[in-house]
Amino acid sequence: MFETGDRIRFPDPLRGDALTEGTFVEIAAGQPIKIPPRVGGVSTRIVDAAWVRRDDGTTERVIHAWIRPA
């Protein structure tokens, strides 16, 4: 589990989801991200989100964990 201020690597949507270093800010509770279907027929997915701060100081909500049905 991450804590505020932890240095993390996250899939940065601004860099084609390449892993990027930043700082963990908080879990974005109640703010899931809907990932649209991709080529190949993968169904739409809902994922949990977290807030991160990039080294340039900008903050963004990004994928934290996949939510899988039971």
PDB file of N, CA and C in Angstrom:
ATOM      1  N   MET A   1       0.840  -1.186   0.000  1.00  0.00           N
ATOM      2  CA  MET A   1       0.000   0.000   0.000  1.00  0.00           C
ATOM      3  C   MET A   1       0.880   1.242   0.000  1.00  0.00           C
ATOM      4  N   PHE A   2       0.522   2.198  -0.819  1.00  0.00           N
ATOM      5  CA  PHE A   2       1.301   3.424  -0.900  1.00  0.00           C
ATOM      6  C   PHE A   2       0.868   4.418   0.168  1.00  0.00           C
ATOM      7  N   GLU A   3       1.791   5.276   0.558  1.00  0.00           N
ATOM      8  CA  GLU A   3       1.492   6.372   1.469  1.00  0.00           C
ATOM      9  C   GLU A   3       1.823   7.683   0.764  1.00  0.00           C
ATOM     10  N   THR A   4       1.164   8.761   1.173  1.00  0.00           N
ATOM     11  CA  THR A   4       1.403  10.071   0.581  1.00  0.00           C
ATOM     12  C   THR A   4       2.888  10.395   0.612  1.00  0.00           C
ATOM     13  N   GLY A   5       3.415  10.819  -0.519  1.00  0.00           N
ATOM     14  CA  GLY A   5       4.818  11.194  -0.616  1.00  0.00           C
ATOM     15  C   GLY A   5       5.737  10.090  -1.109  1.00  0.00           C
ATOM     16  N   ASP A   6       5.231   8.836  -1.185  1.00  0.00           N
ATOM     17  CA  ASP A   6       6.059   7.738  -1.682  1.00  0.00           C
ATOM     18  C   ASP A   6       6.435   7.975  -3.140  1.00  0.00           C
ATOM     19  N   ARG A   7       7.688   7.694  -3.487  1.00  0.00           N
ATOM     20  CA  ARG A   7       8.118   7.728  -4.880  1.00  0.00           C
ATOM     21  C   ARG A   7       7.601   6.456  -5.544  1.00  0.00           C
ATOM     22  N   ILE A   8       6.931   6.598  -6.677  1.00  0.00           N
ATOM     23  CA  ILE A   8       6.373   5.442  -7.372  1.00  0.00           C
ATOM     24  C   ILE A   8       6.644   5.562  -8.865  1.00  0.00           C
ATOM     25  N   ARG A   9       6.418   4.458  -9.563  1.00  0.00           N
ATOM     26  CA  ARG A   9       6.395   4.447 -11.030  1.00  0.00           C
ATOM     27  C   ARG A   9       4.963   4.133 -11.423  1.00  0.00           C
ATOM     28  N   PHE A  10       4.429   4.866 -12.370  1.00  0.00           N
ATOM     29  CA  PHE A  10       3.038   4.692 -12.761  1.00  0.00           C
ATOM     30  C   PHE A  10       2.911   4.737 -14.272  1.00  0.00           C
ATOM     31  N   PRO A  11       1.874   4.068 -14.820  1.00  0.00           N
ATOM     32  CA  PRO A  11       1.648   4.110 -16.269  1.00  0.00           C
ATOM     33  C   PRO A  11       1.091   5.477 -16.664  1.00  0.00           C
ATOM     34  N   ASP A  12       1.923   6.280 -17.277  1.00  0.00           N
ATOM     35  CA  ASP A  12       1.573   7.663 -17.597  1.00  0.00           C
ATOM     36  C   ASP A  12       0.829   7.746 -18.918  1.00  0.00           C
ATOM     37  N   PRO A  13      -0.454   8.142 -18.898  1.00  0.00           N
ATOM     38  CA  PRO A  13      -1.224   8.222 -20.140  1.00  0.00           C
ATOM     39  C   PRO A  13      -0.678   9.265 -21.111  1.00  0.00           C
ATOM     40  N   LEU A  14       0.095  10.227 -20.617  1.00  0.00           N
ATOM     41  CA  LEU A  14       0.680  11.230 -21.500  1.00  0.00           C
ATOM     42  C   LEU A  14       1.909  10.709 -22.236  1.00  0.00           C
ATOM     43  N   ARG A  15       2.389   9.522 -21.826  1.00  0.00           N
ATOM     44  CA  ARG A  15       3.570   8.930 -22.455  1.00  0.00           C
ATOM     45  C   ARG A  15       3.263   7.544 -22.986  1.00  0.00           C
ATOM     46  N   GLY A  16       2.033   7.341 -23.462  1.00  0.00           N
ATOM     47  CA  GLY A  16       1.660   6.044 -24.017  1.00  0.00           C
ATOM     48  C   GLY A  16       1.638   4.945 -22.974  1.00  0.00           C
ATOM     49  N   ASP A  17       1.325   5.302 -21.737  1.00  0.00           N
ATOM     50  CA  ASP A  17       1.286   4.389 -20.588  1.00  0.00           C
ATOM     51  C   ASP A  17       2.661   3.849 -20.203  1.00  0.00           C
ATOM     52  N   ALA A  18       3.733   4.516 -20.650  1.00  0.00           N
ATOM     53  CA  ALA A  18       5.080   4.114 -20.230  1.00  0.00           C
ATOM     54  C   ALA A  18       5.230   4.377 -18.736  1.00  0.00           C
ATOM     55  N   LEU A  19       5.925   3.494 -18.032  1.00  0.00           N
ATOM     56  CA  LEU A  19       6.144   3.700 -16.606  1.00  0.00           C
ATOM     57  C   LEU A  19       6.980   4.957 -16.397  1.00  0.00           C
ATOM     58  N   THR A  20       6.490   5.807 -15.492  1.00  0.00           N
ATOM     59  CA  THR A  20       7.062   7.123 -15.253  1.00  0.00           C
ATOM     60  C   THR A  20       7.223   7.324 -13.752  1.00  0.00           C
ATOM     61  N   GLU A  21       8.311   7.958 -13.329  1.00  0.00           N
ATOM     62  CA  GLU A  21       8.499   8.209 -11.909  1.00  0.00           C
ATOM     63  C   GLU A  21       7.718   9.435 -11.474  1.00  0.00           C
ATOM     64  N   GLY A  22       7.203   9.362 -10.257  1.00  0.00           N
ATOM     65  CA  GLY A  22       6.453  10.469  -9.684  1.00  0.00           C
ATOM     66  C   GLY A  22       6.262  10.232  -8.205  1.00  0.00           C
ATOM     67  N   THR A  23       5.355  10.974  -7.609  1.00  0.00           N
ATOM     68  CA  THR A  23       5.067  10.885  -6.179  1.00  0.00           C
ATOM     69  C   THR A  23       3.610  10.509  -5.986  1.00  0.00           C
ATOM     70  N   PHE A  24       3.348   9.525  -5.126  1.00  0.00           N
ATOM     71  CA  PHE A  24       1.974   9.131  -4.824  1.00  0.00           C
ATOM     72  C   PHE A  24       1.316  10.225  -3.994  1.00  0.00           C
ATOM     73  N   VAL A  25       0.112  10.641  -4.391  1.00  0.00           N
ATOM     74  CA  VAL A  25      -0.623  11.670  -3.662  1.00  0.00           C
ATOM     75  C   VAL A  25      -1.715  11.026  -2.827  1.00  0.00           C
ATOM     76  N   GLU A  26      -2.649  10.292  -3.455  1.00  0.00           N
ATOM     77  CA  GLU A  26      -3.713   9.622  -2.719  1.00  0.00           C
ATOM     78  C   GLU A  26      -4.517   8.728  -3.644  1.00  0.00           C
ATOM     79  N   ILE A  27      -5.261   7.801  -3.047  1.00  0.00           N
ATOM     80  CA  ILE A  27      -6.212   6.994  -3.797  1.00  0.00           C
ATOM     81  C   ILE A  27      -7.364   7.911  -4.195  1.00  0.00           C
ATOM     82  N   ALA A  28      -7.807   7.804  -5.422  1.00  0.00           N
ATOM     83  CA  ALA A  28      -8.931   8.608  -5.898  1.00  0.00           C
ATOM     84  C   ALA A  28     -10.218   7.822  -5.635  1.00  0.00           C
ATOM     85  N   ALA A  29     -10.531   7.628  -4.383  1.00  0.00           N
ATOM     86  CA  ALA A  29     -11.678   6.818  -3.984  1.00  0.00           C
ATOM     87  C   ALA A  29     -12.956   7.346  -4.608  1.00  0.00           C
ATOM     88  N   GLY A  30     -13.744   6.420  -5.148  1.00  0.00           N
ATOM     89  CA  GLY A  30     -15.018   6.791  -5.741  1.00  0.00           C
ATOM     90  C   GLY A  30     -14.890   7.432  -7.108  1.00  0.00           C
ATOM     91  N   GLN A  31     -13.698   7.391  -7.681  1.00  0.00           N
ATOM     92  CA  GLN A  31     -13.488   7.998  -8.989  1.00  0.00           C
ATOM     93  C   GLN A  31     -12.874   6.977  -9.938  1.00  0.00           C
ATOM     94  N   PRO A  32     -13.592   5.916 -10.266  1.00  0.00           N
ATOM     95  CA  PRO A  32     -13.024   4.918 -11.181  1.00  0.00           C
ATOM     96  C   PRO A  32     -12.851   5.494 -12.572  1.00  0.00           C
ATOM     97  N   ILE A  33     -11.937   4.917 -13.312  1.00  0.00           N
ATOM     98  CA  ILE A  33     -11.703   5.309 -14.699  1.00  0.00           C
ATOM     99  C   ILE A  33     -12.269   4.216 -15.591  1.00  0.00           C
ATOM    100  N   LYS A  34     -13.012   4.599 -16.614  1.00  0.00           N
ATOM    101  CA  LYS A  34     -13.553   3.636 -17.570  1.00  0.00           C
ATOM    102  C   LYS A  34     -12.593   3.535 -18.747  1.00  0.00           C
ATOM    103  N   ILE A  35     -12.066   2.340 -18.970  1.00  0.00           N
ATOM    104  CA  ILE A  35     -11.134   2.108 -20.072  1.00  0.00           C
ATOM    105  C   ILE A  35     -11.934   1.567 -21.253  1.00  0.00           C
ATOM    106  N   PRO A  36     -11.946   2.277 -22.384  1.00  0.00           N
ATOM    107  CA  PRO A  36     -12.733   1.817 -23.530  1.00  0.00           C
ATOM    108  C   PRO A  36     -12.143   0.544 -24.138  1.00  0.00           C
ATOM    109  N   PRO A  37     -12.956  -0.183 -24.910  1.00  0.00           N
ATOM    110  CA  PRO A  37     -12.452  -1.383 -25.565  1.00  0.00           C
ATOM    111  C   PRO A  37     -11.283  -1.054 -26.481  1.00  0.00           C
ATOM    112  N   ARG A  38     -10.340  -1.971 -26.543  1.00  0.00           N
ATOM    113  CA  ARG A  38      -9.194  -1.787 -27.425  1.00  0.00           C
ATOM    114  C   ARG A  38      -9.315  -2.727 -28.611  1.00  0.00           C
ATOM    115  N   VAL A  39      -8.445  -2.577 -29.543  1.00  0.00           N
ATOM    116  CA  VAL A  39      -8.434  -3.446 -30.710  1.00  0.00           C
ATOM    117  C   VAL A  39      -8.278  -4.888 -30.237  1.00  0.00           C
ATOM    118  N   GLY A  40      -9.006  -5.782 -30.857  1.00  0.00           N
ATOM    119  CA  GLY A  40      -8.913  -7.190 -30.487  1.00  0.00           C
ATOM    120  C   GLY A  40     -10.092  -7.665 -29.670  1.00  0.00           C
ATOM    121  N   GLY A  41     -11.069  -6.784 -29.425  1.00  0.00           N
ATOM    122  CA  GLY A  41     -12.287  -7.208 -28.758  1.00  0.00           C
ATOM    123  C   GLY A  41     -12.238  -7.269 -27.241  1.00  0.00           C
ATOM    124  N   VAL A  42     -11.207  -6.670 -26.612  1.00  0.00           N
ATOM    125  CA  VAL A  42     -11.165  -6.652 -25.147  1.00  0.00           C
ATOM    126  C   VAL A  42     -12.307  -5.771 -24.659  1.00  0.00           C
ATOM    127  N   SER A  43     -13.083  -6.271 -23.705  1.00  0.00           N
ATOM    128  CA  SER A  43     -14.258  -5.526 -23.252  1.00  0.00           C
ATOM    129  C   SER A  43     -13.875  -4.295 -22.434  1.00  0.00           C
ATOM    130  N   THR A  44     -14.827  -3.370 -22.302  1.00  0.00           N
ATOM    131  CA  THR A  44     -14.635  -2.181 -21.481  1.00  0.00           C
ATOM    132  C   THR A  44     -14.383  -2.614 -20.046  1.00  0.00           C
ATOM    133  N   ARG A  45     -13.452  -1.939 -19.389  1.00  0.00           N
ATOM    134  CA  ARG A  45     -13.118  -2.278 -18.010  1.00  0.00           C
ATOM    135  C   ARG A  45     -13.206  -1.043 -17.122  1.00  0.00           C
ATOM    136  N   ILE A  46     -13.510  -1.268 -15.873  1.00  0.00           N
ATOM    137  CA  ILE A  46     -13.488  -0.195 -14.879  1.00  0.00           C
ATOM    138  C   ILE A  46     -12.277  -0.454 -13.999  1.00  0.00           C
ATOM    139  N   VAL A  47     -11.490   0.584 -13.742  1.00  0.00           N
ATOM    140  CA  VAL A  47     -10.307   0.432 -12.910  1.00  0.00           C
ATOM    141  C   VAL A  47     -10.337   1.435 -11.769  1.00  0.00           C
ATOM    142  N   ASP A  48      -9.668   1.088 -10.665  1.00  0.00           N
ATOM    143  CA  ASP A  48      -9.522   1.998  -9.540  1.00  0.00           C
ATOM    144  C   ASP A  48      -8.468   3.033  -9.923  1.00  0.00           C
ATOM    145  N   ALA A  49      -8.529   4.189  -9.343  1.00  0.00           N
ATOM    146  CA  ALA A  49      -7.629   5.258  -9.719  1.00  0.00           C
ATOM    147  C   ALA A  49      -6.879   5.826  -8.517  1.00  0.00           C
ATOM    148  N   ALA A  50      -5.746   6.443  -8.799  1.00  0.00           N
ATOM    149  CA  ALA A  50      -4.953   7.125  -7.783  1.00  0.00           C
ATOM    150  C   ALA A  50      -4.498   8.460  -8.348  1.00  0.00           C
ATOM    151  N   TRP A  51      -4.177   9.382  -7.460  1.00  0.00           N
ATOM    152  CA  TRP A  51      -3.597  10.652  -7.879  1.00  0.00           C
ATOM    153  C   TRP A  51      -2.093  10.567  -7.730  1.00  0.00           C
ATOM    154  N   VAL A  52      -1.367  11.051  -8.727  1.00  0.00           N
ATOM    155  CA  VAL A  52       0.086  11.096  -8.677  1.00  0.00           C
ATOM    156  C   VAL A  52       0.551  12.494  -9.059  1.00  0.00           C
ATOM    157  N   ARG A  53       1.753  12.829  -8.610  1.00  0.00           N
ATOM    158  CA  ARG A  53       2.361  14.103  -8.993  1.00  0.00           C
ATOM    159  C   ARG A  53       3.613  13.791  -9.795  1.00  0.00           C
ATOM    160  N   ARG A  54       3.670  14.347 -10.983  1.00  0.00           N
ATOM    161  CA  ARG A  54       4.853  14.159 -11.817  1.00  0.00           C
ATOM    162  C   ARG A  54       5.987  15.045 -11.310  1.00  0.00           C
ATOM    163  N   ASP A  55       7.188  14.765 -11.797  1.00  0.00           N
ATOM    164  CA  ASP A  55       8.342  15.561 -11.388  1.00  0.00           C
ATOM    165  C   ASP A  55       8.217  17.028 -11.787  1.00  0.00           C
ATOM    166  N   ASP A  56       7.410  17.319 -12.827  1.00  0.00           N
ATOM    167  CA  ASP A  56       7.235  18.721 -13.240  1.00  0.00           C
ATOM    168  C   ASP A  56       6.192  19.450 -12.393  1.00  0.00           C
ATOM    169  N   GLY A  57       5.617  18.755 -11.397  1.00  0.00           N
ATOM    170  CA  GLY A  57       4.663  19.384 -10.480  1.00  0.00           C
ATOM    171  C   GLY A  57       3.206  19.196 -10.848  1.00  0.00           C
ATOM    172  N   THR A  58       2.912  18.705 -12.050  1.00  0.00           N
ATOM    173  CA  THR A  58       1.521  18.482 -12.437  1.00  0.00           C
ATOM    174  C   THR A  58       0.972  17.254 -11.716  1.00  0.00           C
ATOM    175  N   THR A  59      -0.334  17.243 -11.503  1.00  0.00           N
ATOM    176  CA  THR A  59      -1.002  16.139 -10.824  1.00  0.00           C
ATOM    177  C   THR A  59      -1.990  15.515 -11.790  1.00  0.00           C
ATOM    178  N   GLU A  60      -2.092  14.188 -11.762  1.00  0.00           N
ATOM    179  CA  GLU A  60      -3.013  13.499 -12.664  1.00  0.00           C
ATOM    180  C   GLU A  60      -3.593  12.266 -11.991  1.00  0.00           C
ATOM    181  N   ARG A  61      -4.816  11.954 -12.349  1.00  0.00           N
ATOM    182  CA  ARG A  61      -5.452  10.720 -11.898  1.00  0.00           C
ATOM    183  C   ARG A  61      -5.072   9.615 -12.877  1.00  0.00           C
ATOM    184  N   VAL A  62      -4.561   8.520 -12.350  1.00  0.00           N
ATOM    185  CA  VAL A  62      -4.113   7.419 -13.206  1.00  0.00           C
ATOM    186  C   VAL A  62      -4.617   6.090 -12.643  1.00  0.00           C
ATOM    187  N   ILE A  63      -4.465   5.035 -13.439  1.00  0.00           N
ATOM    188  CA  ILE A  63      -4.869   3.704 -13.005  1.00  0.00           C
ATOM    189  C   ILE A  63      -4.070   3.285 -11.780  1.00  0.00           C
ATOM    190  N   HIS A  64      -4.763   2.776 -10.774  1.00  0.00           N
ATOM    191  CA  HIS A  64      -4.122   2.275  -9.565  1.00  0.00           C
ATOM    192  C   HIS A  64      -4.230   0.755  -9.516  1.00  0.00           C
ATOM    193  N   ALA A  65      -5.396   0.222  -9.829  1.00  0.00           N
ATOM    194  CA  ALA A  65      -5.601  -1.227  -9.768  1.00  0.00           C
ATOM    195  C   ALA A  65      -6.770  -1.605 -10.670  1.00  0.00           C
ATOM    196  N   TRP A  66      -6.674  -2.800 -11.281  1.00  0.00           N
ATOM    197  CA  TRP A  66      -7.795  -3.307 -12.061  1.00  0.00           C
ATOM    198  C   TRP A  66      -8.886  -3.778 -11.119  1.00  0.00           C
ATOM    199  N   ILE A  67     -10.128  -3.546 -11.478  1.00  0.00           N
ATOM    200  CA  ILE A  67     -11.264  -4.085 -10.719  1.00  0.00           C
ATOM    201  C   ILE A  67     -11.806  -5.257 -11.509  1.00  0.00           C
ATOM    202  N   ARG A  68     -11.775  -6.421 -10.902  1.00  0.00           N
ATOM    203  CA  ARG A  68     -12.242  -7.628 -11.587  1.00  0.00           C
ATOM    204  C   ARG A  68     -13.541  -8.106 -10.964  1.00  0.00           C
ATOM    205  N   PRO A  69     -14.458  -8.557 -11.790  1.00  0.00           N
ATOM    206  CA  PRO A  69     -15.706  -9.091 -11.228  1.00  0.00           C
ATOM    207  C   PRO A  69     -15.432 -10.373 -10.441  1.00  0.00           C
ATOM    208  N   ALA A  70     -16.278 -10.642  -9.460  1.00  0.00           N
ATOM    209  CA  ALA A  70     -16.109 -11.834  -8.613  1.00  0.00           C
ATOM    210  C   ALA A  70     -16.333 -13.105  -9.411  1.00  0.00           C
TER     211      ALA A  70
END
